[in-house]
Amino acid sequence: MLENFESLPNVLNAKEVQNFLGISRSSTYDLMHRADFPTLHVNARLLVTKANLKSWLESHTNGDYGIQ
């Protein structure tokens, strides 16, 4: 599992999202197929930028959990 948000790459694949959020593979793919999740589709790959992930997390939580 990754230690902090700043250590993430600028563009994350599903496995990196899974590891960072600490969720299952199936939950990760469910999340990345949601209409409100900022997934970038590149051919068959599902990606998300770190900036969009941060914005999405902030808009879906009730407080500041140290994401900088």
C-alpha atoms as a PDB file:
ATOM      1  CA  MET A   1       0.000   0.000   0.000  1.00  0.00           C
ATOM      2  CA  LEU A   2       1.259   3.463  -0.805  1.00  0.00           C
ATOM      3  CA  GLU A   3       2.137   5.632   2.158  1.00  0.00           C
ATOM      4  CA  ASN A   4       0.902   9.048   1.091  1.00  0.00           C
ATOM      5  CA  PHE A   5      -0.844  10.908  -1.655  1.00  0.00           C
ATOM      6  CA  GLU A   6       2.261  12.751  -2.856  1.00  0.00           C
ATOM      7  CA  SER A   7       3.997   9.454  -3.621  1.00  0.00           C
ATOM      8  CA  LEU A   8       1.363   8.604  -6.244  1.00  0.00           C
ATOM      9  CA  PRO A   9       2.233   8.909  -9.935  1.00  0.00           C
ATOM     10  CA  ASN A  10       0.542  11.715 -11.899  1.00  0.00           C
ATOM     11  CA  VAL A  11      -1.652   9.167 -13.711  1.00  0.00           C
ATOM     12  CA  LEU A  12      -2.873   6.093 -11.851  1.00  0.00           C
ATOM     13  CA  ASN A  13      -4.050   2.783 -13.225  1.00  0.00           C
ATOM     14  CA  ALA A  14      -6.673   0.607 -11.551  1.00  0.00           C
ATOM     15  CA  LYS A  15      -4.120  -1.342  -9.489  1.00  0.00           C
ATOM     16  CA  GLU A  16      -2.627   1.870  -8.107  1.00  0.00           C
ATOM     17  CA  VAL A  17      -6.083   3.211  -7.223  1.00  0.00           C
ATOM     18  CA  GLN A  18      -6.871  -0.111  -5.556  1.00  0.00           C
ATOM     19  CA  ASN A  19      -3.675  -0.039  -3.494  1.00  0.00           C
ATOM     20  CA  PHE A  20      -4.059   3.596  -2.473  1.00  0.00           C
ATOM     21  CA  LEU A  21      -7.700   3.261  -1.424  1.00  0.00           C
ATOM     22  CA  GLY A  22      -7.191  -0.178   0.119  1.00  0.00           C
ATOM     23  CA  ILE A  23     -10.206  -1.676  -1.645  1.00  0.00           C
ATOM     24  CA  SER A  24     -10.768  -4.884  -3.577  1.00  0.00           C
ATOM     25  CA  ARG A  25     -10.140  -5.284  -7.283  1.00  0.00           C
ATOM     26  CA  SER A  26     -13.852  -5.588  -8.032  1.00  0.00           C
ATOM     27  CA  SER A  27     -14.661  -2.492  -5.950  1.00  0.00           C
ATOM     28  CA  THR A  28     -11.971  -0.582  -7.826  1.00  0.00           C
ATOM     29  CA  TYR A  29     -13.460  -1.462 -11.208  1.00  0.00           C
ATOM     30  CA  ASP A  30     -16.964  -0.681  -9.945  1.00  0.00           C
ATOM     31  CA  LEU A  31     -15.693   2.732  -8.829  1.00  0.00           C
ATOM     32  CA  MET A  32     -13.842   3.418 -12.063  1.00  0.00           C
ATOM     33  CA  HIS A  33     -16.986   2.659 -14.073  1.00  0.00           C
ATOM     34  CA  ARG A  34     -19.175   5.063 -12.092  1.00  0.00           C
ATOM     35  CA  ALA A  35     -20.423   8.061 -14.051  1.00  0.00           C
ATOM     36  CA  ASP A  36     -19.243  10.485 -11.349  1.00  0.00           C
ATOM     37  CA  PHE A  37     -15.691   9.097 -11.119  1.00  0.00           C
ATOM     38  CA  PRO A  38     -13.171  10.940 -13.350  1.00  0.00           C
ATOM     39  CA  THR A  39     -11.917   7.917 -15.275  1.00  0.00           C
ATOM     40  CA  LEU A  40      -9.832   8.425 -18.386  1.00  0.00           C
ATOM     41  CA  HIS A  41     -10.375   5.611 -20.914  1.00  0.00           C
ATOM     42  CA  VAL A  42      -7.326   4.956 -23.080  1.00  0.00           C
ATOM     43  CA  ASN A  43      -8.084   2.007 -25.324  1.00  0.00           C
ATOM     44  CA  ALA A  44      -8.929  -0.731 -22.820  1.00  0.00           C
ATOM     45  CA  ARG A  45      -7.072   0.935 -19.931  1.00  0.00           C
ATOM     46  CA  LEU A  46      -8.813   2.758 -17.109  1.00  0.00           C
ATOM     47  CA  LEU A  47      -6.775   5.631 -15.694  1.00  0.00           C
ATOM     48  CA  VAL A  48      -7.306   8.621 -13.422  1.00  0.00           C
ATOM     49  CA  THR A  49      -5.072  11.630 -12.906  1.00  0.00           C
ATOM     50  CA  LYS A  50      -3.843  12.320  -9.400  1.00  0.00           C
ATOM     51  CA  ALA A  51      -5.396  15.800  -9.509  1.00  0.00           C
ATOM     52  CA  ASN A  52      -8.815  14.418 -10.521  1.00  0.00           C
ATOM     53  CA  LEU A  53      -8.611  11.683  -7.879  1.00  0.00           C
ATOM     54  CA  LYS A  54      -7.867  14.315  -5.236  1.00  0.00           C
ATOM     55  CA  SER A  55     -10.815  16.455  -6.356  1.00  0.00           C
ATOM     56  CA  TRP A  56     -13.132  13.454  -6.414  1.00  0.00           C
ATOM     57  CA  LEU A  57     -12.057  12.350  -2.934  1.00  0.00           C
ATOM     58  CA  GLU A  58     -12.515  15.852  -1.549  1.00  0.00           C
ATOM     59  CA  SER A  59     -15.996  16.140  -3.037  1.00  0.00           C
ATOM     60  CA  HIS A  60     -17.026  12.733  -1.648  1.00  0.00           C
ATOM     61  CA  THR A  61     -15.783  13.095   1.931  1.00  0.00           C
ATOM     62  CA  ASN A  62     -16.914  15.086   4.931  1.00  0.00           C
ATOM     63  CA  GLY A  63     -13.650  16.634   5.978  1.00  0.00           C
ATOM     64  CA  ASP A  64      -9.938  17.019   5.444  1.00  0.00           C
ATOM     65  CA  TYR A  65      -8.103  13.735   5.803  1.00  0.00           C
ATOM     66  CA  GLY A  66      -4.631  15.073   5.101  1.00  0.00           C
ATOM     67  CA  ILE A  67      -4.655  14.887   1.299  1.00  0.00           C
ATOM     68  CA  GLN A  68      -2.216  17.521   0.107  1.00  0.00           C
END
